[in-house]
Amino acid sequence: MLRMTGAIAFMWLVVGVLAASGSNAMGPLVEFVFDDGQPSMPQAEFGEQLTDVERSGLNDLAAASTVRISARTCDGFQLGSGFVADGSLFTNRHLVAGATELKVDQPISPVLTLVDRRASGLDLAIGDPVGSRSLEFASMNPEVGSTVAMAGHAGGGRTLLVEGTVQLFDDGAAWGVGGPVMLIDGSTTGGFSGGPVFDRDGRVVGVLQGYSPTVDLTIAIPVESVVDWAASDDDADVVEC
């Protein structure tokens, strides 16, 4: 689950975690309160839409690289996504924290593995790579207005690709999470948690984390935060249920 950080006491905003549970394909929802009415979100100008060739290439890349993750955790049975980059598997911490049973696979050739759960304010977990196509991280965060594509195993099923535009970057505390966040227009759903956000060249520019139906924005951890976190030495045990 996404956890509250800091003193958040203001207007109503509902943020959905992009993990699908066994009984609810949309996954759990967490309510956050803010202080001055409905959010007024700046709308970035749309970048140039993906061409048919770019969209086809990203669809193929997403299908070859995005793994499906299932975990039995303190919150019950969770389904989500992950991907391999720079020799490690990346996913969301809320998918695997406290897991007593964990399975990482693609639709074919399931592989059992245990994810190294790293203690951090960021909703990230890292582990040994599985047999999927390795991706490349972008060298910097995308610009506001950039066109991106979000990949994940919707409802724990096949990989889907959702096109969107980077709207803004914000302090994650305003959204109940640690670290900075990237907000993208485009509706994702349960099972996208931990999936990659691609730029139009197929490089990873973020990791999917949640969705706000109130403002119809998807929340992702930007790539610069992901890379800095992966290089840090903040390993710690996670207490099982």
Protein backbone atom coordinates (compact mmCIF):
# COMPACT_ATOMS: atom_id res chain seq x y z
CA MET A 1 0.00 0.00 0.00
CA LEU A 2 1.05 3.61 -0.46
CA ARG A 3 1.88 5.11 2.93
CA MET A 4 1.18 8.60 4.32
CA THR A 5 4.31 10.74 4.74
CA GLY A 6 4.48 14.04 6.63
CA ALA A 7 1.51 16.11 7.73
CA ILE A 8 -1.06 15.81 4.96
CA ALA A 9 -4.28 17.49 6.01
CA PHE A 10 -6.02 19.22 3.19
CA MET A 11 -8.53 18.56 0.29
CA TRP A 12 -9.93 15.13 -0.68
CA LEU A 13 -7.89 13.28 -3.28
CA VAL A 14 -8.10 9.56 -3.99
CA VAL A 15 -4.97 7.77 -5.17
CA GLY A 16 -5.22 4.15 -6.35
CA VAL A 17 -2.26 1.80 -6.08
CA LEU A 18 -1.70 0.10 -9.44
CA ALA A 19 -1.62 -3.39 -7.92
CA ALA A 20 -4.42 -5.79 -8.70
CA SER A 21 -5.64 -7.91 -5.80
CA GLY A 22 -7.13 -11.34 -6.15
CA SER A 23 -10.61 -10.02 -5.40
CA ASN A 24 -10.44 -6.56 -6.95
CA ALA A 25 -8.76 -6.01 -10.32
CA MET A 26 -8.51 -2.28 -9.68
CA GLY A 27 -6.44 -2.81 -6.54
CA PRO A 28 -6.77 -1.01 -3.20
CA LEU A 29 -7.43 2.73 -2.94
CA VAL A 30 -5.98 5.16 -0.43
CA GLU A 31 -7.64 8.50 0.42
CA PHE A 32 -5.58 11.63 0.97
CA VAL A 33 -6.82 14.95 2.33
CA PHE A 34 -5.58 18.35 1.18
CA ASP A 35 -6.69 21.87 2.12
CA ASP A 36 -8.16 24.06 -0.57
CA GLY A 37 -10.82 22.46 -2.72
CA GLN A 38 -10.39 20.51 -5.92
CA PRO A 39 -6.89 20.34 -7.38
CA SER A 40 -6.05 22.77 -10.15
CA MET A 41 -3.60 20.77 -12.20
CA PRO A 42 -1.60 22.56 -14.90
CA GLN A 43 -2.12 20.89 -18.26
CA ALA A 44 0.98 20.51 -20.37
CA GLU A 45 0.69 20.96 -24.09
CA PHE A 46 0.52 17.63 -25.85
CA GLY A 47 3.71 16.49 -27.47
CA GLU A 48 3.65 14.93 -30.89
CA GLN A 49 1.76 11.65 -30.70
CA LEU A 50 3.58 8.39 -31.32
CA THR A 51 3.73 7.33 -34.94
CA ASP A 52 2.35 3.92 -35.91
CA VAL A 53 5.91 2.64 -36.29
CA GLU A 54 6.94 3.95 -32.84
CA ARG A 55 3.80 2.55 -31.22
CA SER A 56 4.33 -0.86 -32.80
CA GLY A 57 7.97 -0.94 -31.70
CA LEU A 58 7.10 0.04 -28.12
CA ASN A 59 4.33 -2.56 -28.01
CA ASP A 60 6.84 -5.25 -29.02
CA LEU A 61 9.40 -3.95 -26.52
CA ALA A 62 6.86 -3.87 -23.68
CA ALA A 63 5.68 -7.41 -24.42
CA ALA A 64 9.27 -8.71 -24.45
CA SER A 65 10.49 -6.88 -21.35
CA THR A 66 7.65 -6.35 -18.87
CA VAL A 67 7.38 -9.21 -16.37
CA ARG A 68 4.36 -10.15 -14.28
CA ILE A 69 4.75 -10.28 -10.50
CA SER A 70 2.48 -12.08 -8.07
CA ALA A 71 3.02 -11.95 -4.31
CA ARG A 72 1.28 -13.13 -1.17
CA THR A 73 1.84 -10.26 1.28
CA CYS A 74 0.44 -8.68 4.45
CA ASP A 75 -2.27 -7.10 2.29
CA GLY A 76 -3.26 -10.36 0.60
CA PHE A 77 -2.58 -11.55 -2.94
CA GLN A 78 -1.09 -8.83 -5.16
CA LEU A 79 -0.51 -8.75 -8.92
CA GLY A 80 1.73 -6.24 -10.63
CA SER A 81 4.58 -5.69 -13.06
CA GLY A 82 8.33 -5.22 -13.22
CA PHE A 83 11.19 -5.01 -15.69
CA VAL A 84 14.92 -5.66 -15.96
CA ALA A 85 17.41 -2.83 -16.51
CA ASP A 86 21.13 -2.47 -15.71
CA GLY A 87 21.33 -6.08 -14.58
CA SER A 88 18.56 -5.92 -11.95
CA LEU A 89 14.83 -6.48 -11.67
CA PHE A 90 12.87 -3.36 -10.69
CA THR A 91 9.35 -3.22 -9.28
CA ASN A 92 7.32 -1.45 -6.55
CA ARG A 93 8.00 -2.05 -2.90
CA HIS A 94 4.26 -2.15 -2.10
CA LEU A 95 3.98 -5.27 -4.29
CA VAL A 96 6.58 -7.33 -2.44
CA ALA A 97 7.06 -5.91 1.06
CA GLY A 98 6.60 -8.71 3.58
CA ALA A 99 6.00 -11.28 0.84
CA THR A 100 5.95 -14.87 2.04
CA GLU A 101 5.41 -16.12 -1.50
CA LEU A 102 6.65 -14.41 -4.64
CA LYS A 103 6.53 -15.34 -8.31
CA VAL A 104 8.12 -13.39 -11.14
CA ASP A 105 7.33 -14.48 -14.67
CA GLN A 106 6.32 -13.55 -18.15
CA PRO A 107 3.24 -15.16 -19.70
CA ILE A 108 5.58 -18.04 -20.69
CA SER A 109 8.36 -19.74 -18.67
CA PRO A 110 7.56 -18.78 -15.08
CA VAL A 111 10.55 -18.23 -12.79
CA LEU A 112 10.49 -18.30 -8.99
CA THR A 113 12.75 -15.74 -7.36
CA LEU A 114 13.04 -13.61 -4.24
CA VAL A 115 13.31 -9.85 -4.55
CA ASP A 116 15.86 -7.97 -2.45
CA ARG A 117 13.59 -5.54 -0.64
CA ARG A 118 15.50 -2.33 -0.05
CA ALA A 119 14.40 0.04 2.73
CA SER A 120 13.70 3.52 1.39
CA GLY A 121 11.16 6.29 1.25
CA LEU A 122 10.73 5.42 -2.44
CA ASP A 123 8.19 2.79 -3.46
CA LEU A 124 10.85 0.64 -5.16
CA ALA A 125 12.27 -2.86 -4.81
CA ILE A 126 15.19 -4.48 -6.61
CA GLY A 127 16.19 -8.09 -7.24
CA ASP A 128 18.04 -10.53 -9.45
CA PRO A 129 17.21 -10.33 -13.16
CA VAL A 130 14.84 -12.84 -14.75
CA GLY A 131 14.88 -14.10 -18.33
CA SER A 132 13.44 -11.06 -20.02
CA ARG A 133 14.79 -8.41 -22.35
CA SER A 134 16.96 -5.89 -20.50
CA LEU A 135 16.00 -2.23 -20.89
CA GLU A 136 18.07 0.96 -20.87
CA PHE A 137 17.48 3.81 -18.45
CA ALA A 138 17.32 7.31 -19.94
CA SER A 139 20.08 9.64 -18.73
CA MET A 140 17.64 12.25 -17.39
CA ASN A 141 13.99 12.85 -16.59
CA PRO A 142 11.73 13.64 -19.55
CA GLU A 143 10.60 17.22 -20.08
CA VAL A 144 7.09 18.34 -19.20
CA GLY A 145 4.97 17.88 -22.32
CA SER A 146 6.94 14.84 -23.52
CA THR A 147 5.04 11.90 -24.98
CA VAL A 148 5.59 8.66 -23.05
CA ALA A 149 4.18 5.13 -23.06
CA MET A 150 3.29 3.18 -19.87
CA ALA A 151 3.46 -0.62 -19.85
CA GLY A 152 2.01 -3.14 -17.40
CA HIS A 153 0.13 -6.40 -16.95
CA ALA A 154 -3.39 -5.01 -16.61
CA GLY A 155 -5.27 -7.07 -14.02
CA GLY A 156 -2.37 -9.52 -14.04
CA GLY A 157 -3.14 -10.41 -17.67
CA ARG A 158 -1.39 -9.57 -20.91
CA THR A 159 0.87 -6.56 -21.30
CA LEU A 160 -0.86 -3.34 -22.32
CA LEU A 161 0.66 -0.05 -23.48
CA VAL A 162 -0.96 3.31 -22.62
CA GLU A 163 0.22 6.52 -24.30
CA GLY A 164 0.35 9.72 -22.24
CA THR A 165 1.96 13.13 -21.73
CA VAL A 166 4.15 14.21 -18.81
CA GLN A 167 2.10 16.91 -17.08
CA LEU A 168 4.35 17.98 -14.21
CA PHE A 169 6.80 16.92 -11.51
CA ASP A 170 5.81 17.28 -7.86
CA ASP A 171 6.89 16.53 -4.31
CA GLY A 172 5.68 13.02 -3.53
CA ALA A 173 4.58 14.07 -0.03
CA ALA A 174 1.61 15.83 -1.61
CA TRP A 175 0.57 12.43 -2.99
CA GLY A 176 1.33 10.37 0.12
CA VAL A 177 4.59 8.89 -1.17
CA GLY A 178 8.32 9.48 -0.71
CA GLY A 179 10.54 11.37 -3.13
CA PRO A 180 9.61 13.32 -6.25
CA VAL A 181 6.91 12.04 -8.59
CA MET A 182 6.12 12.43 -12.27
CA LEU A 183 2.46 12.92 -13.18
CA ILE A 184 1.25 11.63 -16.53
CA ASP A 185 -2.14 11.97 -18.18
CA GLY A 186 -3.55 8.63 -19.23
CA SER A 187 -5.57 6.07 -17.30
CA THR A 188 -3.76 3.01 -15.98
CA THR A 189 -5.33 0.31 -13.84
CA GLY A 190 -4.60 -2.50 -11.41
CA GLY A 191 -1.60 -4.63 -12.43
CA PHE A 192 0.46 -1.73 -13.88
CA SER A 193 2.34 -1.20 -10.57
CA GLY A 194 6.08 -1.50 -11.10
CA GLY A 195 5.86 -1.35 -14.89
CA PRO A 196 8.16 0.84 -17.01
CA VAL A 197 7.45 4.26 -18.49
CA PHE A 198 9.10 4.52 -21.92
CA ASP A 199 10.16 7.53 -23.92
CA ARG A 200 9.52 7.33 -27.65
CA ASP A 201 12.98 5.78 -28.17
CA GLY A 202 12.25 2.87 -25.82
CA ARG A 203 14.35 4.07 -22.88
CA VAL A 204 12.93 3.83 -19.36
CA VAL A 205 12.08 7.27 -17.94
CA GLY A 206 10.11 6.15 -14.87
CA VAL A 207 8.53 3.36 -12.82
CA LEU A 208 4.73 3.26 -12.47
CA GLN A 209 3.41 3.62 -8.93
CA GLY A 210 -0.24 4.69 -8.69
CA TYR A 211 -3.22 6.41 -10.28
CA SER A 212 -5.47 9.26 -9.14
CA PRO A 213 -9.01 8.91 -10.55
CA THR A 214 -9.84 12.32 -9.07
CA VAL A 215 -7.53 14.13 -11.48
CA ASP A 216 -7.10 11.28 -14.01
CA LEU A 217 -3.31 11.23 -13.67
CA THR A 218 -0.90 8.32 -13.38
CA ILE A 219 1.87 8.64 -10.79
CA ALA A 220 5.39 7.43 -11.60
CA ILE A 221 8.81 7.58 -9.98
CA PRO A 222 11.09 9.55 -12.35
CA VAL A 223 14.18 7.85 -13.74
CA GLU A 224 16.75 10.09 -12.02
CA SER A 225 15.32 9.08 -8.64
CA VAL A 226 15.27 5.40 -9.64
CA VAL A 227 18.91 5.39 -10.77
CA ASP A 228 20.13 7.27 -7.67
CA TRP A 229 18.20 4.88 -5.42
CA ALA A 230 19.59 1.79 -7.19
CA ALA A 231 23.13 3.06 -6.64
CA SER A 232 22.59 3.66 -2.91
CA ASP A 233 23.46 1.27 -0.06
CA ASP A 234 20.24 1.29 1.93
CA ASP A 235 19.53 -2.46 2.01
CA ALA A 236 17.48 -3.57 5.02
CA ASP A 237 15.38 -6.54 5.98
CA VAL A 238 11.61 -6.31 5.63
CA VAL A 239 9.64 -7.88 8.47
CA GLU A 240 7.28 -10.57 7.20
CA CYS A 241 3.66 -10.64 8.33
